[in-house]
Amino acid sequence: QVQLVESGGGLVQPGGSLRLSCTASGFTFTGYVINWYRQAPGKEREFVAGIGTTGGTNYADSVKGRFTISRDNAPNTVSLQMSSLKPEDTAVYYCKAIRLWGFGPNDYWGQGTQVTVSS
């Protein structure tokens, strides 16, 4: 059974930090690009950060220097360390797995985790 589960969201004050995790099962994790997206109320879902199968990373301009994405292939987890959080970072954060090789679906979304930045 394919699963992609986000965790670590919550309420944090401006300037604070949170660490989100995306844990995968049911497919060849090492063969997938893992991206984080977010969707704020009334806005379209937008790309936040991504990490490739060999560890290459890229970030949206709005989070560069504040967010860091990393992956641990054992145990199938991608983390998003978020620092210097701003109210405009408030959104539901989703991870998405995109297959480059191996067994599993072509792409798959998690259910999301809420991040609220407010004083």
Protein backbone atom coordinates (compact mmCIF):
# COMPACT_ATOMS: atom_id res chain seq x y z
CA GLN A 1 0.00 0.00 0.00
CA VAL A 2 1.41 3.37 -1.10
CA GLN A 3 1.56 5.98 1.66
CA LEU A 4 3.06 9.44 1.98
CA VAL A 5 2.51 10.98 5.40
CA GLU A 6 3.40 14.52 6.43
CA SER A 7 3.95 15.47 10.06
CA GLY A 8 5.41 18.25 12.19
CA GLY A 9 3.04 21.08 11.43
CA GLY A 10 1.62 23.38 14.08
CA LEU A 11 1.39 26.92 15.41
CA VAL A 12 4.59 28.94 15.71
CA GLN A 13 5.36 32.60 16.34
CA PRO A 14 6.96 34.77 13.66
CA GLY A 15 10.70 34.20 13.63
CA GLY A 16 10.31 30.68 14.96
CA SER A 17 11.17 27.30 13.47
CA LEU A 18 9.43 24.07 12.56
CA ARG A 19 10.60 20.81 11.06
CA LEU A 20 8.24 18.97 8.75
CA SER A 21 8.69 15.31 7.82
CA CYS A 22 7.38 13.32 4.87
CA THR A 23 7.53 9.57 5.41
CA ALA A 24 6.98 7.16 2.54
CA SER A 25 6.11 3.51 2.20
CA GLY A 26 4.91 1.13 -0.49
CA PHE A 27 7.24 2.24 -3.29
CA THR A 28 10.93 2.47 -4.20
CA PHE A 29 11.67 5.65 -2.27
CA THR A 30 15.22 6.05 -3.58
CA GLY A 31 13.89 6.33 -7.14
CA TYR A 32 11.64 9.30 -6.44
CA VAL A 33 12.07 13.05 -6.43
CA ILE A 34 10.34 14.47 -3.36
CA ASN A 35 8.91 17.98 -3.49
CA TRP A 36 7.20 20.13 -0.87
CA TYR A 37 4.34 22.40 -1.87
CA ARG A 38 2.07 24.68 0.11
CA GLN A 39 -1.38 26.13 -0.30
CA ALA A 40 -2.62 29.14 1.61
CA PRO A 41 -6.35 29.92 1.89
CA GLY A 42 -7.66 31.38 -1.35
CA LYS A 43 -4.39 30.81 -3.18
CA GLU A 44 -3.06 28.24 -5.61
CA ARG A 45 -0.75 25.48 -4.49
CA GLU A 46 2.87 26.53 -4.96
CA PHE A 47 6.24 24.81 -5.05
CA VAL A 48 8.40 25.29 -1.95
CA ALA A 49 11.41 22.97 -2.20
CA GLY A 50 12.52 19.76 -3.84
CA ILE A 51 15.20 17.11 -3.52
CA GLY A 52 16.32 14.69 -6.19
CA THR A 53 17.31 11.06 -6.05
CA THR A 54 20.99 11.96 -5.64
CA GLY A 55 20.40 14.76 -3.15
CA GLY A 56 20.29 17.80 -5.42
CA THR A 57 17.99 20.51 -4.07
CA ASN A 58 16.09 23.53 -5.28
CA TYR A 59 13.97 26.13 -3.54
CA ALA A 60 11.39 28.76 -4.27
CA ASP A 61 12.86 32.25 -4.04
CA SER A 62 10.50 33.06 -1.18
CA VAL A 63 12.09 30.45 1.10
CA LYS A 64 15.76 30.45 0.02
CA GLY A 65 18.05 30.90 2.98
CA ARG A 66 15.28 30.08 5.45
CA PHE A 67 14.20 26.54 4.55
CA THR A 68 16.37 23.45 4.13
CA ILE A 69 15.24 20.20 2.56
CA SER A 70 17.01 16.89 3.23
CA ARG A 71 16.37 13.21 2.71
CA ASP A 72 17.21 10.07 4.65
CA ASN A 73 16.70 6.99 2.53
CA ALA A 74 16.61 4.87 5.67
CA PRO A 75 13.93 5.33 6.85
CA ASN A 76 12.33 6.78 3.71
CA THR A 77 11.93 10.31 5.03
CA VAL A 78 12.32 13.78 3.59
CA SER A 79 12.48 16.67 6.04
CA LEU A 80 11.86 20.37 5.59
CA GLN A 81 13.55 22.50 8.23
CA MET A 82 11.85 25.90 8.30
CA SER A 83 13.43 28.85 10.11
CA SER A 84 12.74 32.57 10.39
CA LEU A 85 9.10 31.84 9.72
CA LYS A 86 6.81 34.62 8.57
CA PRO A 87 3.03 34.97 8.70
CA GLU A 88 2.98 34.57 4.91
CA ASP A 89 4.40 31.04 5.36
CA THR A 90 1.05 30.03 6.83
CA ALA A 91 -0.40 27.27 4.65
CA VAL A 92 -1.10 23.58 4.37
CA TYR A 93 2.16 21.92 3.38
CA TYR A 94 2.10 18.87 1.13
CA CYS A 95 4.80 16.51 -0.06
CA LYS A 96 4.71 14.92 -3.48
CA ALA A 97 6.68 11.95 -4.74
CA ILE A 98 7.59 11.85 -8.45
CA ARG A 99 8.94 8.60 -9.91
CA LEU A 100 12.17 8.59 -11.89
CA TRP A 101 12.77 4.84 -11.61
CA GLY A 102 11.73 1.81 -9.59
CA PHE A 103 8.43 0.43 -8.41
CA GLY A 104 5.35 2.52 -7.63
CA PRO A 105 2.99 5.16 -9.00
CA ASN A 106 4.17 7.90 -11.37
CA ASP A 107 3.40 10.49 -8.69
CA TYR A 108 1.66 10.60 -5.35
CA TRP A 109 0.54 13.30 -2.91
CA GLY A 110 0.39 13.25 0.84
CA GLN A 111 -2.61 14.59 2.77
CA GLY A 112 -0.88 17.71 4.06
CA THR A 113 0.01 19.27 7.39
CA GLN A 114 -1.07 22.70 8.61
CA VAL A 115 1.54 25.34 9.43
CA THR A 116 0.33 28.53 11.09
CA VAL A 117 2.69 31.42 11.80
CA SER A 118 1.06 33.91 14.13
CA SER A 119 1.69 35.83 17.31
